[in-house]
Full PDB file with SEQRES, HELIX, SHEET, SSBOND, CRYST1, ORIGX, SCALE, CONECT and MASTER records, all heavy atoms in Angstrom:
SEQRES   1 A   32  VAL LEU ILE THR SER LEU LYS GLU ASP CYS VAL THR LEU          
SEQRES   2 A   32  GLU VAL SER LEU TRP ILE ASN ASP LEU ASP ARG GLY ARG          
SEQRES   3 A   32  LYS PRO LEU ILE SER GLU                                      
HELIX    1 AA1 ARG A   26  SER A   31  1                                   6    
SHEET    1 AA1 2 LEU A   2  LYS A   7  0                                        
SHEET    2 AA1 2 CYS A  10  GLU A  14 -1                                        
CRYST1    1.000    1.000    1.000  90.00  90.00  90.00 P 1           1          
ORIGX1      1.000000  0.000000  0.000000        0.00000                         
ORIGX2      0.000000  1.000000  0.000000        0.00000                         
ORIGX3      0.000000  0.000000  1.000000        0.00000                         
SCALE1      1.000000  0.000000  0.000000        0.00000                         
SCALE2      0.000000  1.000000  0.000000        0.00000                         
SCALE3      0.000000  0.000000  1.000000        0.00000                         
ATOM      1  N   VAL A   1      -7.695   4.061  -2.424  1.00  0.00           N  
ATOM      2  CA  VAL A   1      -7.739   2.614  -2.257  1.00  0.00           C  
ATOM      3  C   VAL A   1      -8.637   2.065  -3.356  1.00  0.00           C  
ATOM      4  O   VAL A   1      -9.788   2.475  -3.482  1.00  0.00           O  
ATOM      5  CB  VAL A   1      -8.288   2.193  -0.879  1.00  0.00           C  
ATOM      6  CG1 VAL A   1      -8.381   0.689  -0.770  1.00  0.00           C  
ATOM      7  CG2 VAL A   1      -7.424   2.761   0.241  1.00  0.00           C  
ATOM      8  N   LEU A   2      -8.081   1.187  -4.172  1.00  0.00           N  
ATOM      9  CA  LEU A   2      -8.830   0.568  -5.262  1.00  0.00           C  
ATOM     10  C   LEU A   2      -8.966  -0.926  -5.024  1.00  0.00           C  
ATOM     11  O   LEU A   2      -8.029  -1.563  -4.546  1.00  0.00           O  
ATOM     12  CB  LEU A   2      -8.103   0.781  -6.599  1.00  0.00           C  
ATOM     13  CG  LEU A   2      -7.855   2.219  -7.029  1.00  0.00           C  
ATOM     14  CD1 LEU A   2      -6.979   2.237  -8.278  1.00  0.00           C  
ATOM     15  CD2 LEU A   2      -9.159   2.928  -7.277  1.00  0.00           C  
ATOM     16  N   ILE A   3     -10.112  -1.490  -5.357  1.00  0.00           N  
ATOM     17  CA  ILE A   3     -10.278  -2.941  -5.368  1.00  0.00           C  
ATOM     18  C   ILE A   3      -9.793  -3.416  -6.732  1.00  0.00           C  
ATOM     19  O   ILE A   3     -10.317  -3.018  -7.760  1.00  0.00           O  
ATOM     20  CB  ILE A   3     -11.749  -3.338  -5.145  1.00  0.00           C  
ATOM     21  CG1 ILE A   3     -12.219  -2.844  -3.778  1.00  0.00           C  
ATOM     22  CG2 ILE A   3     -11.907  -4.847  -5.268  1.00  0.00           C  
ATOM     23  CD1 ILE A   3     -13.698  -3.020  -3.546  1.00  0.00           C  
ATOM     24  N   THR A   4      -8.738  -4.245  -6.731  1.00  0.00           N  
ATOM     25  CA  THR A   4      -8.160  -4.689  -7.995  1.00  0.00           C  
ATOM     26  C   THR A   4      -8.539  -6.114  -8.355  1.00  0.00           C  
ATOM     27  O   THR A   4      -8.350  -6.531  -9.495  1.00  0.00           O  
ATOM     28  CB  THR A   4      -6.625  -4.568  -7.976  1.00  0.00           C  
ATOM     29  OG1 THR A   4      -6.105  -5.364  -6.912  1.00  0.00           O  
ATOM     30  CG2 THR A   4      -6.203  -3.116  -7.797  1.00  0.00           C  
ATOM     31  N   SER A   5      -9.093  -6.863  -7.384  1.00  0.00           N  
ATOM     32  CA  SER A   5      -9.478  -8.242  -7.669  1.00  0.00           C  
ATOM     33  C   SER A   5     -10.469  -8.727  -6.616  1.00  0.00           C  
ATOM     34  O   SER A   5     -10.321  -8.416  -5.438  1.00  0.00           O  
ATOM     35  CB  SER A   5      -8.237  -9.148  -7.659  1.00  0.00           C  
ATOM     36  OG  SER A   5      -8.599 -10.491  -7.803  1.00  0.00           O  
ATOM     37  N   LEU A   6     -11.469  -9.447  -7.070  1.00  0.00           N  
ATOM     38  CA  LEU A   6     -12.436 -10.090  -6.176  1.00  0.00           C  
ATOM     39  C   LEU A   6     -12.462 -11.579  -6.481  1.00  0.00           C  
ATOM     40  O   LEU A   6     -12.622 -11.979  -7.634  1.00  0.00           O  
ATOM     41  CB  LEU A   6     -13.842  -9.531  -6.389  1.00  0.00           C  
ATOM     42  CG  LEU A   6     -14.125  -8.139  -5.876  1.00  0.00           C  
ATOM     43  CD1 LEU A   6     -15.517  -7.697  -6.326  1.00  0.00           C  
ATOM     44  CD2 LEU A   6     -14.036  -8.077  -4.378  1.00  0.00           C  
ATOM     45  N   LYS A   7     -12.293 -12.385  -5.454  1.00  0.00           N  
ATOM     46  CA  LYS A   7     -12.406 -13.841  -5.577  1.00  0.00           C  
ATOM     47  C   LYS A   7     -13.346 -14.318  -4.492  1.00  0.00           C  
ATOM     48  O   LYS A   7     -13.742 -13.559  -3.618  1.00  0.00           O  
ATOM     49  CB  LYS A   7     -11.035 -14.496  -5.429  1.00  0.00           C  
ATOM     50  CG  LYS A   7     -10.044 -14.089  -6.505  1.00  0.00           C  
ATOM     51  CD  LYS A   7      -8.719 -14.774  -6.300  1.00  0.00           C  
ATOM     52  CE  LYS A   7      -7.712 -14.292  -7.333  1.00  0.00           C  
ATOM     53  NZ  LYS A   7      -6.391 -14.878  -7.116  1.00  0.00           N  
ATOM     54  N   GLU A   8     -13.675 -15.585  -4.526  1.00  0.00           N  
ATOM     55  CA  GLU A   8     -14.613 -16.134  -3.550  1.00  0.00           C  
ATOM     56  C   GLU A   8     -14.165 -15.875  -2.115  1.00  0.00           C  
ATOM     57  O   GLU A   8     -14.978 -15.544  -1.257  1.00  0.00           O  
ATOM     58  CB  GLU A   8     -14.768 -17.642  -3.774  1.00  0.00           C  
ATOM     59  CG  GLU A   8     -15.770 -18.285  -2.848  1.00  0.00           C  
ATOM     60  CD  GLU A   8     -15.946 -19.750  -3.138  1.00  0.00           C  
ATOM     61  OE1 GLU A   8     -15.842 -20.158  -4.304  1.00  0.00           O  
ATOM     62  OE2 GLU A   8     -16.190 -20.491  -2.172  1.00  0.00           O  
ATOM     63  N   ASP A   9     -12.888 -16.003  -1.844  1.00  0.00           N  
ATOM     64  CA  ASP A   9     -12.390 -15.855  -0.476  1.00  0.00           C  
ATOM     65  C   ASP A   9     -11.302 -14.787  -0.344  1.00  0.00           C  
ATOM     66  O   ASP A   9     -10.536 -14.789   0.603  1.00  0.00           O  
ATOM     67  CB  ASP A   9     -11.858 -17.190   0.030  1.00  0.00           C  
ATOM     68  CG  ASP A   9     -10.716 -17.720  -0.834  1.00  0.00           C  
ATOM     69  OD1 ASP A   9     -10.486 -17.165  -1.916  1.00  0.00           O  
ATOM     70  OD2 ASP A   9     -10.063 -18.684  -0.415  1.00  0.00           O  
ATOM     71  N   CYS A  10     -11.248 -13.852  -1.308  1.00  0.00           N  
ATOM     72  CA  CYS A  10     -10.151 -12.888  -1.296  1.00  0.00           C  
ATOM     73  C   CYS A  10     -10.552 -11.593  -2.002  1.00  0.00           C  
ATOM     74  O   CYS A  10     -11.185 -11.614  -3.044  1.00  0.00           O  
ATOM     75  CB  CYS A  10      -8.937 -13.512  -1.997  1.00  0.00           C  
ATOM     76  SG  CYS A  10      -7.519 -12.442  -2.133  1.00  0.00           S  
ATOM     77  N   VAL A  11     -10.161 -10.480  -1.407  1.00  0.00           N  
ATOM     78  CA  VAL A  11     -10.292  -9.169  -2.036  1.00  0.00           C  
ATOM     79  C   VAL A  11      -8.886  -8.572  -2.081  1.00  0.00           C  
ATOM     80  O   VAL A  11      -8.190  -8.524  -1.073  1.00  0.00           O  
ATOM     81  CB  VAL A  11     -11.218  -8.234  -1.232  1.00  0.00           C  
ATOM     82  CG1 VAL A  11     -11.263  -6.844  -1.839  1.00  0.00           C  
ATOM     83  CG2 VAL A  11     -12.606  -8.822  -1.119  1.00  0.00           C  
ATOM     84  N   THR A  12      -8.452  -8.135  -3.258  1.00  0.00           N  
ATOM     85  CA  THR A  12      -7.132  -7.518  -3.402  1.00  0.00           C  
ATOM     86  C   THR A  12      -7.311  -6.016  -3.536  1.00  0.00           C  
ATOM     87  O   THR A  12      -8.092  -5.553  -4.361  1.00  0.00           O  
ATOM     88  CB  THR A  12      -6.404  -8.075  -4.638  1.00  0.00           C  
ATOM     89  OG1 THR A  12      -6.308  -9.491  -4.527  1.00  0.00           O  
ATOM     90  CG2 THR A  12      -5.011  -7.490  -4.752  1.00  0.00           C  
ATOM     91  N   LEU A  13      -6.592  -5.275  -2.685  1.00  0.00           N  
ATOM     92  CA  LEU A  13      -6.676  -3.819  -2.685  1.00  0.00           C  
ATOM     93  C   LEU A  13      -5.352  -3.223  -3.140  1.00  0.00           C  
ATOM     94  O   LEU A  13      -4.286  -3.776  -2.873  1.00  0.00           O  
ATOM     95  CB  LEU A  13      -6.978  -3.310  -1.271  1.00  0.00           C  
ATOM     96  CG  LEU A  13      -8.232  -3.846  -0.600  1.00  0.00           C  
ATOM     97  CD1 LEU A  13      -8.306  -3.330   0.828  1.00  0.00           C  
ATOM     98  CD2 LEU A  13      -9.472  -3.480  -1.379  1.00  0.00           C  
ATOM     99  N   GLU A  14      -5.424  -2.069  -3.783  1.00  0.00           N  
ATOM    100  CA  GLU A  14      -4.237  -1.296  -4.136  1.00  0.00           C  
ATOM    101  C   GLU A  14      -4.333   0.033  -3.405  1.00  0.00           C  
ATOM    102  O   GLU A  14      -5.306   0.768  -3.567  1.00  0.00           O  
ATOM    103  CB  GLU A  14      -4.178  -1.066  -5.640  1.00  0.00           C  
ATOM    104  CG  GLU A  14      -2.987  -0.261  -6.091  1.00  0.00           C  
ATOM    105  CD  GLU A  14      -2.967  -0.083  -7.592  1.00  0.00           C  
ATOM    106  OE1 GLU A  14      -2.992  -1.099  -8.308  1.00  0.00           O  
ATOM    107  OE2 GLU A  14      -2.943   1.085  -8.032  1.00  0.00           O  
ATOM    108  N   VAL A  15      -3.350   0.319  -2.570  1.00  0.00           N  
ATOM    109  CA  VAL A  15      -3.342   1.534  -1.765  1.00  0.00           C  
ATOM    110  C   VAL A  15      -2.318   2.496  -2.336  1.00  0.00           C  
ATOM    111  O   VAL A  15      -1.162   2.135  -2.543  1.00  0.00           O  
ATOM    112  CB  VAL A  15      -3.001   1.213  -0.290  1.00  0.00           C  
ATOM    113  CG1 VAL A  15      -2.974   2.487   0.540  1.00  0.00           C  
ATOM    114  CG2 VAL A  15      -3.988   0.199   0.286  1.00  0.00           C  
ATOM    115  N   SER A  16      -2.743   3.728  -2.613  1.00  0.00           N  
ATOM    116  CA  SER A  16      -1.848   4.773  -3.108  1.00  0.00           C  
ATOM    117  C   SER A  16      -1.891   5.942  -2.144  1.00  0.00           C  
ATOM    118  O   SER A  16      -2.957   6.312  -1.653  1.00  0.00           O  
ATOM    119  CB  SER A  16      -2.304   5.261  -4.485  1.00  0.00           C  
ATOM    120  OG  SER A  16      -2.348   4.208  -5.410  1.00  0.00           O  
ATOM    121  N   LEU A  17      -0.727   6.528  -1.872  1.00  0.00           N  
ATOM    122  CA  LEU A  17      -0.678   7.696  -1.011  1.00  0.00           C  
ATOM    123  C   LEU A  17       0.552   8.512  -1.318  1.00  0.00           C  
ATOM    124  O   LEU A  17       1.487   8.049  -1.974  1.00  0.00           O  
ATOM    125  CB  LEU A  17      -0.717   7.306   0.467  1.00  0.00           C  
ATOM    126  CG  LEU A  17       0.345   6.304   0.909  1.00  0.00           C  
ATOM    127  CD1 LEU A  17       1.394   6.980   1.728  1.00  0.00           C  
ATOM    128  CD2 LEU A  17      -0.339   5.194   1.670  1.00  0.00           C  
ATOM    129  N   TRP A  18       0.558   9.733  -0.840  1.00  0.00           N  
ATOM    130  CA  TRP A  18       1.650  10.668  -1.073  1.00  0.00           C  
ATOM    131  C   TRP A  18       2.597  10.622   0.116  1.00  0.00           C  
ATOM    132  O   TRP A  18       2.170  10.651   1.263  1.00  0.00           O  
ATOM    133  CB  TRP A  18       1.086  12.072  -1.225  1.00  0.00           C  
ATOM    134  CG  TRP A  18       2.132  13.082  -1.537  1.00  0.00           C  
ATOM    135  CD1 TRP A  18       2.769  13.895  -0.651  1.00  0.00           C  
ATOM    136  CD2 TRP A  18       2.653  13.384  -2.828  1.00  0.00           C  
ATOM    137  NE1 TRP A  18       3.662  14.693  -1.312  1.00  0.00           N  
ATOM    138  CE2 TRP A  18       3.616  14.391  -2.665  1.00  0.00           C  
ATOM    139  CE3 TRP A  18       2.402  12.903  -4.103  1.00  0.00           C  
ATOM    140  CZ2 TRP A  18       4.319  14.930  -3.714  1.00  0.00           C  
ATOM    141  CZ3 TRP A  18       3.109  13.439  -5.154  1.00  0.00           C  
ATOM    142  CH2 TRP A  18       4.048  14.436  -4.957  1.00  0.00           C  
ATOM    143  N   ILE A  19       3.910  10.550  -0.153  1.00  0.00           N  
ATOM    144  CA  ILE A  19       4.922  10.536   0.903  1.00  0.00           C  
ATOM    145  C   ILE A  19       5.779  11.787   0.741  1.00  0.00           C  
ATOM    146  O   ILE A  19       6.421  11.981  -0.288  1.00  0.00           O  
ATOM    147  CB  ILE A  19       5.793   9.271   0.812  1.00  0.00           C  
ATOM    148  CG1 ILE A  19       4.921   8.027   0.971  1.00  0.00           C  
ATOM    149  CG2 ILE A  19       6.896   9.308   1.861  1.00  0.00           C  
ATOM    150  CD1 ILE A  19       5.632   6.740   0.656  1.00  0.00           C  
ATOM    151  N   ASN A  20       5.794  12.623   1.770  1.00  0.00           N  
ATOM    152  CA  ASN A  20       6.571  13.856   1.719  1.00  0.00           C  
ATOM    153  C   ASN A  20       8.010  13.680   2.193  1.00  0.00           C  
ATOM    154  O   ASN A  20       8.864  14.466   1.833  1.00  0.00           O  
ATOM    155  CB  ASN A  20       5.917  14.935   2.587  1.00  0.00           C  
ATOM    156  CG  ASN A  20       4.679  15.500   1.947  1.00  0.00           C  
ATOM    157  OD1 ASN A  20       4.592  15.604   0.736  1.00  0.00           O  
ATOM    158  ND2 ASN A  20       3.707  15.847   2.764  1.00  0.00           N  
ATOM    159  N   ASP A  21       8.280  12.701   3.031  1.00  0.00           N  
ATOM    160  CA  ASP A  21       9.556  12.620   3.709  1.00  0.00           C  
ATOM    161  C   ASP A  21      10.082  11.187   3.708  1.00  0.00           C  
ATOM    162  O   ASP A  21       9.487  10.301   4.301  1.00  0.00           O  
ATOM    163  CB  ASP A  21       9.375  13.116   5.143  1.00  0.00           C  
ATOM    164  CG  ASP A  21      10.657  13.196   5.912  1.00  0.00           C  
ATOM    165  OD1 ASP A  21      11.736  13.018   5.310  1.00  0.00           O  
ATOM    166  OD2 ASP A  21      10.595  13.447   7.116  1.00  0.00           O  
ATOM    167  N   LEU A  22      11.204  10.970   3.038  1.00  0.00           N  
ATOM    168  CA  LEU A  22      11.825   9.642   3.014  1.00  0.00           C  
ATOM    169  C   LEU A  22      13.186   9.653   3.706  1.00  0.00           C  
ATOM    170  O   LEU A  22      14.069   8.881   3.362  1.00  0.00           O  
ATOM    171  CB  LEU A  22      11.991   9.154   1.569  1.00  0.00           C  
ATOM    172  CG  LEU A  22      10.746   8.620   0.897  1.00  0.00           C  
ATOM    173  CD1 LEU A  22      11.033   8.261  -0.562  1.00  0.00           C  
ATOM    174  CD2 LEU A  22      10.205   7.415   1.625  1.00  0.00           C  
ATOM    175  N   ASP A  23      13.354  10.513   4.701  1.00  0.00           N  
ATOM    176  CA  ASP A  23      14.644  10.633   5.379  1.00  0.00           C  
ATOM    177  C   ASP A  23      15.106   9.329   6.022  1.00  0.00           C  
ATOM    178  O   ASP A  23      16.289   9.039   6.068  1.00  0.00           O  
ATOM    179  CB  ASP A  23      14.611  11.733   6.439  1.00  0.00           C  
ATOM    180  CG  ASP A  23      14.595  13.118   5.824  1.00  0.00           C  
ATOM    181  OD1 ASP A  23      14.997  13.250   4.647  1.00  0.00           O  
ATOM    182  OD2 ASP A  23      14.187  14.067   6.505  1.00  0.00           O  
ATOM    183  N   ARG A  24      14.178   8.531   6.544  1.00  0.00           N  
ATOM    184  CA  ARG A  24      14.546   7.262   7.196  1.00  0.00           C  
ATOM    185  C   ARG A  24      14.740   6.143   6.186  1.00  0.00           C  
ATOM    186  O   ARG A  24      15.072   5.034   6.542  1.00  0.00           O  
ATOM    187  CB  ARG A  24      13.464   6.840   8.199  1.00  0.00           C  
ATOM    188  CG  ARG A  24      13.346   7.769   9.371  1.00  0.00           C  
ATOM    189  CD  ARG A  24      12.344   7.285  10.376  1.00  0.00           C  
ATOM    190  NE  ARG A  24      11.029   7.131   9.762  1.00  0.00           N  
ATOM    191  CZ  ARG A  24      10.169   6.169  10.064  1.00  0.00           C  
ATOM    192  NH1 ARG A  24      10.455   5.269  10.952  1.00  0.00           N  
ATOM    193  NH2 ARG A  24       9.002   6.119   9.464  1.00  0.00           N  
ATOM    194  N   GLY A  25      14.502   6.409   4.937  1.00  0.00           N  
ATOM    195  CA  GLY A  25      14.606   5.382   3.916  1.00  0.00           C  
ATOM    196  C   GLY A  25      13.241   4.807   3.599  1.00  0.00           C  
ATOM    197  O   GLY A  25      12.264   5.002   4.321  1.00  0.00           O  
ATOM    198  N   ARG A  26      13.186   4.083   2.530  1.00  0.00           N  
ATOM    199  CA  ARG A  26      11.922   3.569   2.021  1.00  0.00           C  
ATOM    200  C   ARG A  26      11.421   2.331   2.778  1.00  0.00           C  
ATOM    201  O   ARG A  26      10.233   2.222   3.085  1.00  0.00           O  
ATOM    202  CB  ARG A  26      12.121   3.237   0.550  1.00  0.00           C  
ATOM    203  CG  ARG A  26      10.880   2.977  -0.182  1.00  0.00           C  
ATOM    204  CD  ARG A  26      11.162   2.850  -1.644  1.00  0.00           C  
ATOM    205  NE  ARG A  26       9.949   2.379  -2.271  1.00  0.00           N  
ATOM    206  CZ  ARG A  26       9.850   1.992  -3.492  1.00  0.00           C  
ATOM    207  NH1 ARG A  26      10.904   2.015  -4.257  1.00  0.00           N  
ATOM    208  NH2 ARG A  26       8.719   1.594  -3.990  1.00  0.00           N  
ATOM    209  N   LYS A  27      12.305   1.396   3.090  1.00  0.00           N  
ATOM    210  CA  LYS A  27      11.877   0.143   3.731  1.00  0.00           C  
ATOM    211  C   LYS A  27      11.232   0.336   5.097  1.00  0.00           C  
ATOM    212  O   LYS A  27      10.184  -0.246   5.366  1.00  0.00           O  
ATOM    213  CB  LYS A  27      13.044  -0.835   3.804  1.00  0.00           C  
ATOM    214  CG  LYS A  27      13.386  -1.422   2.461  1.00  0.00           C  
ATOM    215  CD  LYS A  27      14.482  -2.461   2.579  1.00  0.00           C  
ATOM    216  CE  LYS A  27      14.813  -3.008   1.207  1.00  0.00           C  
ATOM    217  NZ  LYS A  27      15.831  -4.052   1.289  1.00  0.00           N  
ATOM    218  N   PRO A  28      11.815   1.148   5.997  1.00  0.00           N  
ATOM    219  CA  PRO A  28      11.137   1.347   7.290  1.00  0.00           C  
ATOM    220  C   PRO A  28       9.753   1.974   7.129  1.00  0.00           C  
ATOM    221  O   PRO A  28       8.817   1.616   7.841  1.00  0.00           O  
ATOM    222  CB  PRO A  28      12.079   2.278   8.056  1.00  0.00           C  
ATOM    223  CG  PRO A  28      13.408   2.096   7.421  1.00  0.00           C  
ATOM    224  CD  PRO A  28      13.124   1.801   5.974  1.00  0.00           C  
ATOM    225  N   LEU A  29       9.619   2.897   6.189  1.00  0.00           N  
ATOM    226  CA  LEU A  29       8.328   3.547   5.969  1.00  0.00           C  
ATOM    227  C   LEU A  29       7.297   2.551   5.446  1.00  0.00           C  
ATOM    228  O   LEU A  29       6.164   2.500   5.927  1.00  0.00           O  
ATOM    229  CB  LEU A  29       8.468   4.714   5.004  1.00  0.00           C  
ATOM    230  CG  LEU A  29       7.178   5.447   4.672  1.00  0.00           C  
ATOM    231  CD1 LEU A  29       6.561   6.035   5.929  1.00  0.00           C  
ATOM    232  CD2 LEU A  29       7.420   6.517   3.654  1.00  0.00           C  
ATOM    233  N   ILE A  30       7.684   1.738   4.464  1.00  0.00           N  
ATOM    234  CA  ILE A  30       6.769   0.731   3.918  1.00  0.00           C  
ATOM    235  C   ILE A  30       6.362  -0.253   5.001  1.00  0.00           C  
ATOM    236  O   ILE A  30       5.185  -0.605   5.131  1.00  0.00           O  
ATOM    237  CB  ILE A  30       7.408   0.024   2.710  1.00  0.00           C  
ATOM    238  CG1 ILE A  30       7.509   1.003   1.538  1.00  0.00           C  
ATOM    239  CG2 ILE A  30       6.601  -1.210   2.308  1.00  0.00           C  
ATOM    240  CD1 ILE A  30       8.314   0.485   0.368  1.00  0.00           C  
ATOM    241  N   SER A  31       7.322  -0.685   5.823  1.00  0.00           N  
ATOM    242  CA  SER A  31       7.009  -1.602   6.915  1.00  0.00           C  
ATOM    243  C   SER A  31       6.006  -0.986   7.887  1.00  0.00           C  
ATOM    244  O   SER A  31       5.034  -1.631   8.293  1.00  0.00           O  
ATOM    245  CB  SER A  31       8.298  -1.977   7.651  1.00  0.00           C  
ATOM    246  OG  SER A  31       8.015  -2.801   8.752  1.00  0.00           O  
ATOM    247  N   GLU A  32       6.225   0.269   8.248  1.00  0.00           N  
ATOM    248  CA  GLU A  32       5.321   0.959   9.162  1.00  0.00           C  
ATOM    249  C   GLU A  32       3.919   1.099   8.563  1.00  0.00           C  
ATOM    250  O   GLU A  32       2.910   0.894   9.247  1.00  0.00           O  
ATOM    251  CB  GLU A  32       5.910   2.334   9.480  1.00  0.00           C  
ATOM    252  CG  GLU A  32       5.178   3.093  10.536  1.00  0.00           C  
ATOM    253  CD  GLU A  32       5.863   4.415  10.850  1.00  0.00           C  
ATOM    254  OE1 GLU A  32       7.108   4.443  10.919  1.00  0.00           O  
ATOM    255  OE2 GLU A  32       5.145   5.413  11.011  1.00  0.00           O  
TER     256      GLU A  32                                                      
MASTER        0    0    0    1    2    0    0    6  255    1    0    3          
END                                                                             
């Protein structure tokens, strides 16, 4: 997890992770 931006009322994070199984497709996994 990286902080990519700091503003007065906002912090933007970038989350990276490894996915081993995309059998259900990408959209349901991203939503979950």
